[in-house]
Amino acid sequence: MGEYQKSIDACTAAQAADSTPPNTGAHAREIEQQLQRCASAMYSSNAGASEQEILERAQRDPEVLAILQDPIMQQILGQMKENPSAVQEHLKNPMIKQKIQVLVNAGVIRMGTR
């Protein structure tokens, strides 16, 4: 239905539930496959779109918009732009990591090798 972030969030919650007894990883493979399908569909939906189109689409998402308007996240994103290695320090904070992942999933920022 195009709500990739919600699907990813549901899979993440499923992973957490699956890692506790009595499950202890019983569904880990299935959950990981679903996460990969979500990521693949999400990235293919951005294929061929211009950077401007991706940004416009992302700004229609209230969660992405809230993250982009957050002064602390603006500061962190600025630090990441000036010093890409700074991202490793910020990813140690689970809340920041989750917000950055939302922005990556929306196509607003890109991380990884060039």
C-alpha atoms as a PDB file:
ATOM      1  CA  MET A   1       0.000   0.000   0.000  1.00  0.00           C
ATOM      2  CA  GLY A   2       3.055   2.237  -0.182  1.00  0.00           C
ATOM      3  CA  GLU A   3       3.362   2.722   3.588  1.00  0.00           C
ATOM      4  CA  TYR A   4       6.834   1.284   3.790  1.00  0.00           C
ATOM      5  CA  GLN A   5       7.871   2.933   7.042  1.00  0.00           C
ATOM      6  CA  LYS A   6       4.850   1.483   8.854  1.00  0.00           C
ATOM      7  CA  SER A   7       5.701  -1.951   7.491  1.00  0.00           C
ATOM      8  CA  ILE A   8       9.314  -1.600   8.575  1.00  0.00           C
ATOM      9  CA  ASP A   9       8.188  -0.457  12.037  1.00  0.00           C
ATOM     10  CA  ALA A  10       5.890  -3.496  12.295  1.00  0.00           C
ATOM     11  CA  CYS A  11       8.747  -5.813  11.306  1.00  0.00           C
ATOM     12  CA  THR A  12      11.028  -4.191  13.864  1.00  0.00           C
ATOM     13  CA  ALA A  13       8.384  -4.734  16.544  1.00  0.00           C
ATOM     14  CA  ALA A  14       8.007  -8.343  15.368  1.00  0.00           C
ATOM     15  CA  GLN A  15      11.767  -8.837  15.698  1.00  0.00           C
ATOM     16  CA  ALA A  16      11.662  -7.553  19.267  1.00  0.00           C
ATOM     17  CA  ALA A  17       8.742  -9.827  20.139  1.00  0.00           C
ATOM     18  CA  ASP A  18      10.375 -12.784  18.415  1.00  0.00           C
ATOM     19  CA  SER A  19      13.605 -12.353  20.368  1.00  0.00           C
ATOM     20  CA  THR A  20      11.919 -12.924  23.739  1.00  0.00           C
ATOM     21  CA  PRO A  21      10.918 -16.292  25.198  1.00  0.00           C
ATOM     22  CA  PRO A  22       9.153 -18.457  24.262  1.00  0.00           C
ATOM     23  CA  ASN A  23       9.877 -17.487  20.623  1.00  0.00           C
ATOM     24  CA  THR A  24      13.629 -16.776  20.812  1.00  0.00           C
ATOM     25  CA  GLY A  25      14.097 -16.260  17.093  1.00  0.00           C
ATOM     26  CA  ALA A  26      11.605 -18.796  15.796  1.00  0.00           C
ATOM     27  CA  HIS A  27      10.429 -16.375  13.095  1.00  0.00           C
ATOM     28  CA  ALA A  28      13.664 -14.452  12.518  1.00  0.00           C
ATOM     29  CA  ARG A  29      14.121 -15.653   8.924  1.00  0.00           C
ATOM     30  CA  GLU A  30      10.556 -14.810   7.925  1.00  0.00           C
ATOM     31  CA  ILE A  31      10.743 -11.363   9.532  1.00  0.00           C
ATOM     32  CA  GLU A  32      14.094 -10.617   7.852  1.00  0.00           C
ATOM     33  CA  GLN A  33      12.649 -11.634   4.465  1.00  0.00           C
ATOM     34  CA  GLN A  34       9.710  -9.289   4.979  1.00  0.00           C
ATOM     35  CA  LEU A  35      12.062  -6.449   5.922  1.00  0.00           C
ATOM     36  CA  GLN A  36      14.044  -7.056   2.741  1.00  0.00           C
ATOM     37  CA  ARG A  37      10.856  -7.033   0.642  1.00  0.00           C
ATOM     38  CA  CYS A  38       9.841  -3.722   2.256  1.00  0.00           C
ATOM     39  CA  ALA A  39      13.241  -2.179   1.612  1.00  0.00           C
ATOM     40  CA  SER A  40      13.292  -3.389  -1.975  1.00  0.00           C
ATOM     41  CA  ALA A  41       9.802  -2.024  -2.689  1.00  0.00           C
ATOM     42  CA  MET A  42      10.624   1.267  -0.989  1.00  0.00           C
ATOM     43  CA  TYR A  43      13.834   1.807  -2.931  1.00  0.00           C
ATOM     44  CA  SER A  44      12.259   0.801  -6.243  1.00  0.00           C
ATOM     45  CA  SER A  45       9.485   3.336  -5.651  1.00  0.00           C
ATOM     46  CA  ASN A  46      12.171   6.041  -5.566  1.00  0.00           C
ATOM     47  CA  ALA A  47      13.957   4.736  -8.676  1.00  0.00           C
ATOM     48  CA  GLY A  48      13.818   7.222 -11.502  1.00  0.00           C
ATOM     49  CA  ALA A  49      12.473   9.996  -9.294  1.00  0.00           C
ATOM     50  CA  SER A  50      14.431  13.214  -9.110  1.00  0.00           C
ATOM     51  CA  GLU A  51      15.866  14.380  -5.822  1.00  0.00           C
ATOM     52  CA  GLN A  52      13.255  17.156  -5.780  1.00  0.00           C
ATOM     53  CA  GLU A  53      10.394  14.655  -6.278  1.00  0.00           C
ATOM     54  CA  ILE A  54      11.684  12.448  -3.474  1.00  0.00           C
ATOM     55  CA  LEU A  55      11.971  15.444  -1.150  1.00  0.00           C
ATOM     56  CA  GLU A  56       8.461  16.656  -2.016  1.00  0.00           C
ATOM     57  CA  ARG A  57       7.022  13.184  -1.403  1.00  0.00           C
ATOM     58  CA  ALA A  58       8.887  12.888   1.896  1.00  0.00           C
ATOM     59  CA  GLN A  59       7.658  16.274   3.088  1.00  0.00           C
ATOM     60  CA  ARG A  60       4.064  15.091   2.709  1.00  0.00           C
ATOM     61  CA  ASP A  61       4.813  12.486   5.381  1.00  0.00           C
ATOM     62  CA  PRO A  62       4.054  14.032   8.807  1.00  0.00           C
ATOM     63  CA  GLU A  63       6.708  11.927  10.558  1.00  0.00           C
ATOM     64  CA  VAL A  64       9.440  12.969   8.104  1.00  0.00           C
ATOM     65  CA  LEU A  65       8.331  16.589   8.265  1.00  0.00           C
ATOM     66  CA  ALA A  66       8.446  16.569  12.080  1.00  0.00           C
ATOM     67  CA  ILE A  67      11.970  15.140  12.023  1.00  0.00           C
ATOM     68  CA  LEU A  68      13.158  17.703   9.482  1.00  0.00           C
ATOM     69  CA  GLN A  69      11.679  20.554  11.543  1.00  0.00           C
ATOM     70  CA  ASP A  70      13.191  19.358  14.834  1.00  0.00           C
ATOM     71  CA  PRO A  71      15.994  21.813  15.765  1.00  0.00           C
ATOM     72  CA  ILE A  72      18.115  19.068  17.332  1.00  0.00           C
ATOM     73  CA  MET A  73      17.822  16.897  14.220  1.00  0.00           C
ATOM     74  CA  GLN A  74      18.663  19.910  12.053  1.00  0.00           C
ATOM     75  CA  GLN A  75      21.844  20.349  14.069  1.00  0.00           C
ATOM     76  CA  ILE A  76      22.690  16.640  13.811  1.00  0.00           C
ATOM     77  CA  LEU A  77      22.046  16.587  10.061  1.00  0.00           C
ATOM     78  CA  GLY A  78      24.248  19.660   9.688  1.00  0.00           C
ATOM     79  CA  GLN A  79      27.031  17.937  11.611  1.00  0.00           C
ATOM     80  CA  MET A  80      26.640  14.860   9.429  1.00  0.00           C
ATOM     81  CA  LYS A  81      26.931  16.987   6.294  1.00  0.00           C
ATOM     82  CA  GLU A  82      30.071  18.746   7.542  1.00  0.00           C
ATOM     83  CA  ASN A  83      31.647  15.631   9.039  1.00  0.00           C
ATOM     84  CA  PRO A  84      30.209  12.363   7.648  1.00  0.00           C
ATOM     85  CA  SER A  85      32.087  10.321  10.254  1.00  0.00           C
ATOM     86  CA  ALA A  86      29.999  12.055  12.957  1.00  0.00           C
ATOM     87  CA  VAL A  87      27.071   9.856  12.000  1.00  0.00           C
ATOM     88  CA  GLN A  88      28.631   6.904  13.838  1.00  0.00           C
ATOM     89  CA  GLU A  89      28.491   8.770  17.130  1.00  0.00           C
ATOM     90  CA  HIS A  90      24.878   9.852  16.587  1.00  0.00           C
ATOM     91  CA  LEU A  91      23.788   6.316  15.656  1.00  0.00           C
ATOM     92  CA  LYS A  92      24.689   5.174  19.172  1.00  0.00           C
ATOM     93  CA  ASN A  93      21.568   6.978  20.398  1.00  0.00           C
ATOM     94  CA  PRO A  94      18.563   4.706  19.620  1.00  0.00           C
ATOM     95  CA  MET A  95      16.137   7.627  19.205  1.00  0.00           C
ATOM     96  CA  ILE A  96      18.443   9.447  16.803  1.00  0.00           C
ATOM     97  CA  LYS A  97      19.169   6.200  14.959  1.00  0.00           C
ATOM     98  CA  GLN A  98      15.438   5.591  14.444  1.00  0.00           C
ATOM     99  CA  LYS A  99      14.876   9.134  13.144  1.00  0.00           C
ATOM    100  CA  ILE A 100      17.820   8.885  10.771  1.00  0.00           C
ATOM    101  CA  GLN A 101      16.484   5.551   9.523  1.00  0.00           C
ATOM    102  CA  VAL A 102      13.113   7.168   8.810  1.00  0.00           C
ATOM    103  CA  LEU A 103      14.879   9.832   6.730  1.00  0.00           C
ATOM    104  CA  VAL A 104      16.950   7.193   4.919  1.00  0.00           C
ATOM    105  CA  ASN A 105      13.842   5.128   4.218  1.00  0.00           C
ATOM    106  CA  ALA A 106      12.081   8.197   2.861  1.00  0.00           C
ATOM    107  CA  GLY A 107      15.038   8.896   0.560  1.00  0.00           C
ATOM    108  CA  VAL A 108      15.787  12.258   2.191  1.00  0.00           C
ATOM    109  CA  ILE A 109      19.324  11.249   3.127  1.00  0.00           C
ATOM    110  CA  ARG A 110      21.608   8.542   1.805  1.00  0.00           C
ATOM    111  CA  MET A 111      24.100   6.578   3.816  1.00  0.00           C
ATOM    112  CA  GLY A 112      26.658   3.970   2.871  1.00  0.00           C
ATOM    113  CA  THR A 113      29.515   3.675   0.474  1.00  0.00           C
ATOM    114  CA  ARG A 114      29.835   5.857  -2.563  1.00  0.00           C
END
